[in-house]
Every structure is written in C-alpha cells, then in structure tokens.
C-alpha cells in the first residue's frame, strides 16, 4: 500500500512525494546540494564578518600614525642592514663599477688582448679581443 503523503522541500519549499523510505528533507539532489552550499557560505560569511568586527574594534582603539621616531628607526635599520651586507660580501662578488672598468683598461694598457679559452681558426690565426671596438678579431702570431 502506497502512502500519498506530501512533504515540503527545505530549500525550494515545493511539495513533493518522497521516493525513499526515510523522510526526505529535499525534493531532489540539486536542492540538497544547493542547501549545503548555502549553509556553508553563510557559515563562512558569518565567521569572516565576526573576525572583521573583532579586528575593527581593535583598530578603533589604536589609530596608526607615522612618527618621526618610526621613520628614523626604519632608516637606521635599512642602513645597518646595508652595512652588514657590504661587510659580509666578498670583494670578488661585488658588482663592477665604471671606475673599476676604467682602471682595468688602464692596467691592460693595450687595445688587443689574447682570448685564451678559444682555439685558433682554420687559418691558424689566434683570437684577440679588441677593447675599443668590443669585438673578437683573429691575427697570426709572428
């Protein structure tokens, strides 16, 4: 014998006839999953708004302002960090400056320099780096 009892869906509020033996709360799986997502979203929204309310109450009691002492402390900290970094960096690992390059050119004191890590070409000419033009040229050693 079949019961013709109708139930109301807890999500869409439409009347439906239950298809299972136990009492159903929703008319379909779609309504069931939509209700779950709605509950989940409301829970997250509520907890986030409570967190924001707590945060906002804390911010109202202390208003952040910029002070000269704070700026001075930040500047001193930056200078100290840069000084420590320059002290701990090896001289060989520091970047070259324009003055370093000029000093190197003066020390080398010539235009062409032998490139020792390249083999001679097919004609037996050795590679040289032209310091003025910035290109590699080949010459025969005499």
Protein backbone atom coordinates (compact mmCIF):
# COMPACT_ATOMS: atom_id res chain seq x y z
CA UNK A 1 0.00 0.00 0.00
CA UNK A 2 1.38 3.33 -1.01
CA UNK A 3 1.23 6.43 1.17
CA UNK A 4 0.33 9.59 -0.68
CA UNK A 5 1.95 11.88 1.85
CA UNK A 6 3.47 15.05 0.53
CA UNK A 7 6.40 16.83 2.12
CA UNK A 8 7.72 20.35 1.67
CA UNK A 9 11.27 20.79 0.34
CA UNK A 10 13.51 22.53 2.88
CA UNK A 11 15.26 24.50 0.12
CA UNK A 12 12.72 25.44 -2.58
CA UNK A 13 9.55 24.96 -0.43
CA UNK A 14 7.74 22.97 -3.11
CA UNK A 15 5.61 19.97 -2.20
CA UNK A 16 6.95 16.59 -3.25
CA UNK A 17 6.22 12.93 -2.74
CA UNK A 18 9.15 11.14 -1.05
CA UNK A 19 10.83 8.41 -3.10
CA UNK A 20 12.70 6.79 -0.24
CA UNK A 21 11.54 5.06 2.90
CA UNK A 22 13.12 7.58 5.24
CA UNK A 23 11.77 11.04 5.49
CA UNK A 24 13.36 13.27 2.85
CA UNK A 25 14.05 16.92 3.53
CA UNK A 26 14.66 17.93 -0.10
CA UNK A 27 12.79 17.22 -3.30
CA UNK A 28 15.95 16.47 -5.34
CA UNK A 29 19.71 16.11 -5.14
CA UNK A 30 20.02 19.57 -6.69
CA UNK A 31 18.09 21.19 -3.83
CA UNK A 32 20.06 19.15 -1.31
CA UNK A 33 23.43 20.29 -2.69
CA UNK A 34 22.24 23.92 -3.06
CA UNK A 35 21.12 23.91 0.56
CA UNK A 36 24.50 22.52 1.63
CA UNK A 37 26.36 25.24 -0.29
CA UNK A 38 24.07 27.91 1.10
CA UNK A 39 24.72 26.69 4.66
CA UNK A 40 28.46 26.51 4.00
CA UNK A 41 28.55 30.03 2.51
CA UNK A 42 26.53 31.52 5.36
CA UNK A 43 28.83 29.89 7.92
CA UNK A 44 31.94 31.25 6.22
CA UNK A 45 30.41 34.69 5.76
CA UNK A 46 29.31 34.83 9.39
CA UNK A 47 32.71 33.78 10.74
CA UNK A 48 34.51 36.25 8.45
CA UNK A 49 32.23 39.11 9.48
CA UNK A 50 32.78 38.25 13.15
CA UNK A 51 36.55 38.28 12.58
CA UNK A 52 36.27 41.63 10.83
CA UNK A 53 34.17 43.02 13.65
CA UNK A 54 36.80 41.95 16.17
CA UNK A 55 39.57 43.42 14.02
CA UNK A 56 37.70 46.68 13.50
CA UNK A 57 37.12 47.08 17.24
CA UNK A 58 40.85 46.68 17.86
CA UNK A 59 41.73 49.22 15.17
CA UNK A 60 39.34 51.82 16.57
CA UNK A 61 41.15 51.87 19.91
CA UNK A 62 44.60 52.42 18.33
CA UNK A 63 44.96 54.57 15.27
CA UNK A 64 48.24 54.12 13.42
CA UNK A 65 50.12 57.28 12.61
CA UNK A 66 53.51 57.98 11.11
CA UNK A 67 56.01 59.39 13.55
CA UNK A 68 59.45 60.86 13.14
CA UNK A 69 60.84 58.24 15.52
CA UNK A 70 59.39 55.45 13.40
CA UNK A 71 60.86 56.89 10.21
CA UNK A 72 64.23 57.26 11.95
CA UNK A 73 64.14 53.67 13.18
CA UNK A 74 63.30 52.38 9.71
CA UNK A 75 66.14 54.40 8.17
CA UNK A 76 68.63 53.23 10.79
CA UNK A 77 67.58 49.61 10.25
CA UNK A 78 67.99 49.89 6.48
CA UNK A 79 71.42 51.50 6.81
CA UNK A 80 72.53 48.83 9.29
CA UNK A 81 71.35 46.02 7.01
CA UNK A 82 73.15 47.53 4.00
CA UNK A 83 76.36 48.00 6.03
CA UNK A 84 76.30 44.40 7.23
CA UNK A 85 75.61 43.17 3.70
CA UNK A 86 78.55 45.13 2.28
CA UNK A 87 80.87 43.90 5.05
CA UNK A 88 79.95 40.24 4.54
CA UNK A 89 80.10 40.31 0.72
CA UNK A 90 83.47 39.31 -0.73
CA UNK A 91 85.21 41.88 -2.91
CA UNK A 92 85.16 39.45 -5.83
CA UNK A 93 81.36 39.14 -5.60
CA UNK A 94 80.62 42.86 -5.54
CA UNK A 95 79.37 44.41 -8.80
CA UNK A 96 81.89 46.22 -11.02
CA UNK A 97 81.60 49.99 -11.28
CA UNK A 98 82.50 52.26 -14.17
CA UNK A 99 85.63 53.27 -12.27
CA UNK A 100 86.64 49.59 -11.95
CA UNK A 101 86.32 49.11 -15.70
CA UNK A 102 88.33 52.26 -16.46
CA UNK A 103 91.05 51.14 -14.07
CA UNK A 104 91.14 47.73 -15.77
CA UNK A 105 91.57 49.35 -19.22
CA UNK A 106 94.42 51.50 -17.90
CA UNK A 107 96.10 48.46 -16.33
CA UNK A 108 95.89 46.43 -19.55
CA UNK A 109 97.32 49.39 -21.48
CA UNK A 110 96.76 47.97 -24.96
CA UNK A 111 93.95 47.58 -27.47
CA UNK A 112 94.14 43.84 -28.30
CA UNK A 113 94.15 41.01 -25.76
CA UNK A 114 94.54 37.30 -26.44
CA UNK A 115 91.45 35.21 -25.77
CA UNK A 116 92.92 32.11 -24.14
CA UNK A 117 89.76 29.98 -23.95
CA UNK A 118 89.12 29.96 -27.74
CA UNK A 119 91.07 27.80 -30.22
CA UNK A 120 92.73 29.28 -33.32
CA UNK A 121 90.65 29.33 -36.50
CA UNK A 122 91.24 27.13 -39.61
CA UNK A 123 93.90 29.51 -40.93
CA UNK A 124 95.94 29.23 -37.72
CA UNK A 125 95.03 32.75 -36.54
CA UNK A 126 94.54 33.33 -32.82
CA UNK A 127 91.52 35.20 -31.39
CA UNK A 128 92.07 38.61 -29.81
CA UNK A 129 89.52 40.86 -28.15
CA UNK A 130 89.52 44.45 -29.44
CA UNK A 131 88.97 46.65 -26.35
CA UNK A 132 88.00 49.71 -28.43
CA UNK A 133 85.53 48.07 -30.83
CA UNK A 134 84.35 45.36 -28.42
CA UNK A 135 84.68 42.52 -30.98
CA UNK A 136 86.85 39.43 -31.43
CA UNK A 137 89.40 39.61 -34.25
CA UNK A 138 91.88 36.99 -35.48
CA UNK A 139 95.62 37.61 -36.01
CA UNK A 140 98.54 35.35 -36.89
CA UNK A 141 101.28 35.24 -34.28
CA UNK A 142 104.62 36.19 -35.75
